[in-house]
Amino acid sequence: MFATIDEIDEGVVSWMTYLFRYGGPQPENPPTWMTRTYEFNVRDILAVLEAHLASDEFDGHFDYVPYEEYDPDCNRVYSNLMSGQWAFNEAV
């Protein structure tokens, strides 16, 4: 499965791998999860976002200005990042 995932040629942002393990106190006979090393694979989310914004395919399909949307009953509708309060708070 990992080989198949590695063969996917999508995007320009490379994967980063972190190894981690439990570092707290262990009982005399610890469970297996306390002694194993685990692998965590992730992409830099900022680099992914920058790559999306630079893509011609993405052009015109992204709201880059904060906005408010309301339903017919005057309830606020949150549909994506730019419709949320955080975007308003961060905008200058």
Protein backbone atom coordinates (compact mmCIF):
# COMPACT_ATOMS: atom_id res chain seq x y z
CA MET A 1 0.00 0.00 0.00
CA PHE A 2 2.79 2.45 0.88
CA ALA A 3 4.47 1.86 -2.49
CA THR A 4 1.22 2.66 -4.29
CA ILE A 5 0.79 5.87 -2.31
CA ASP A 6 4.41 6.85 -3.01
CA GLU A 7 3.82 6.46 -6.76
CA ILE A 8 1.07 9.09 -6.79
CA ASP A 9 2.45 12.08 -8.66
CA GLU A 10 0.13 14.80 -7.37
CA GLY A 11 1.39 18.21 -6.40
CA VAL A 12 4.83 19.61 -5.83
CA VAL A 13 4.96 19.51 -2.03
CA SER A 14 6.97 16.62 -0.68
CA TRP A 15 6.06 14.45 2.28
CA MET A 16 7.78 14.78 5.64
CA THR A 17 8.12 11.80 7.95
CA TYR A 18 8.31 12.02 11.73
CA LEU A 19 9.09 9.10 14.02
CA PHE A 20 7.69 9.19 17.52
CA ARG A 21 7.12 6.95 20.49
CA TYR A 22 5.70 7.10 23.97
CA GLY A 23 8.14 8.70 26.38
CA GLY A 24 6.27 8.63 29.65
CA PRO A 25 6.52 6.27 32.59
CA GLN A 26 6.01 2.60 31.82
CA PRO A 27 4.67 -0.18 34.01
CA GLU A 28 6.74 -3.30 34.68
CA ASN A 29 5.16 -5.13 31.75
CA PRO A 30 4.25 -2.30 29.31
CA PRO A 31 1.72 -2.80 26.52
CA THR A 32 3.13 -2.98 23.00
CA TRP A 33 2.03 0.53 22.03
CA MET A 34 4.28 2.00 24.73
CA THR A 35 7.41 0.41 23.28
CA ARG A 36 6.83 0.79 19.54
CA THR A 37 8.07 3.58 17.29
CA TYR A 38 5.40 5.04 15.03
CA GLU A 39 5.69 6.84 11.70
CA PHE A 40 3.72 10.01 10.96
CA ASN A 41 3.65 11.25 7.34
CA VAL A 42 2.46 14.77 6.58
CA ARG A 43 2.82 17.61 4.12
CA ASP A 44 3.49 21.20 5.10
CA ILE A 45 -0.03 22.67 4.95
CA LEU A 46 1.21 26.18 4.17
CA ALA A 47 3.25 24.88 1.22
CA VAL A 48 0.20 22.90 0.00
CA LEU A 49 -1.98 26.01 0.18
CA GLU A 50 0.62 28.11 -1.65
CA ALA A 51 0.86 25.45 -4.39
CA HIS A 52 -2.93 25.43 -4.77
CA LEU A 53 -3.10 29.20 -5.02
CA ALA A 54 -0.35 29.22 -7.65
CA SER A 55 -2.12 26.59 -9.78
CA ASP A 56 -3.90 27.70 -12.99
CA GLU A 57 -6.56 25.02 -12.37
CA PHE A 58 -7.41 26.64 -9.04
CA ASP A 59 -7.63 30.19 -10.46
CA GLY A 60 -11.11 31.65 -10.04
CA HIS A 61 -12.33 28.87 -7.73
CA PHE A 62 -11.28 30.34 -4.40
CA ASP A 63 -12.75 33.10 -2.27
CA TYR A 64 -9.80 35.13 -1.01
CA VAL A 65 -11.85 37.90 0.61
CA PRO A 66 -13.74 37.34 3.87
CA TYR A 67 -17.52 37.41 3.47
CA GLU A 68 -20.71 36.83 5.41
CA GLU A 69 -23.52 34.66 4.07
CA TYR A 70 -27.02 34.35 5.52
CA ASP A 71 -29.89 31.94 4.89
CA PRO A 72 -33.50 33.14 4.32
CA ASP A 73 -34.11 33.08 8.10
CA CYS A 74 -31.18 35.47 8.70
CA ASN A 75 -28.98 32.76 10.24
CA ARG A 76 -25.29 32.99 9.47
CA VAL A 77 -24.06 30.29 7.06
CA TYR A 78 -20.49 29.03 7.44
CA SER A 79 -19.47 27.23 4.27
CA ASN A 80 -15.69 27.60 4.07
CA LEU A 81 -12.69 29.28 5.65
CA MET A 82 -13.42 32.73 4.23
CA SER A 83 -17.02 32.74 5.50
CA GLY A 84 -15.88 32.21 9.09
CA GLN A 85 -15.23 34.74 11.82
CA TRP A 86 -11.52 33.88 11.91
CA ALA A 87 -11.07 35.27 8.38
CA PHE A 88 -12.69 38.54 9.45
CA ASN A 89 -10.49 38.77 12.51
CA GLU A 90 -7.31 38.17 10.49
CA ALA A 91 -8.12 40.49 7.56
CA VAL A 92 -6.44 43.88 7.39
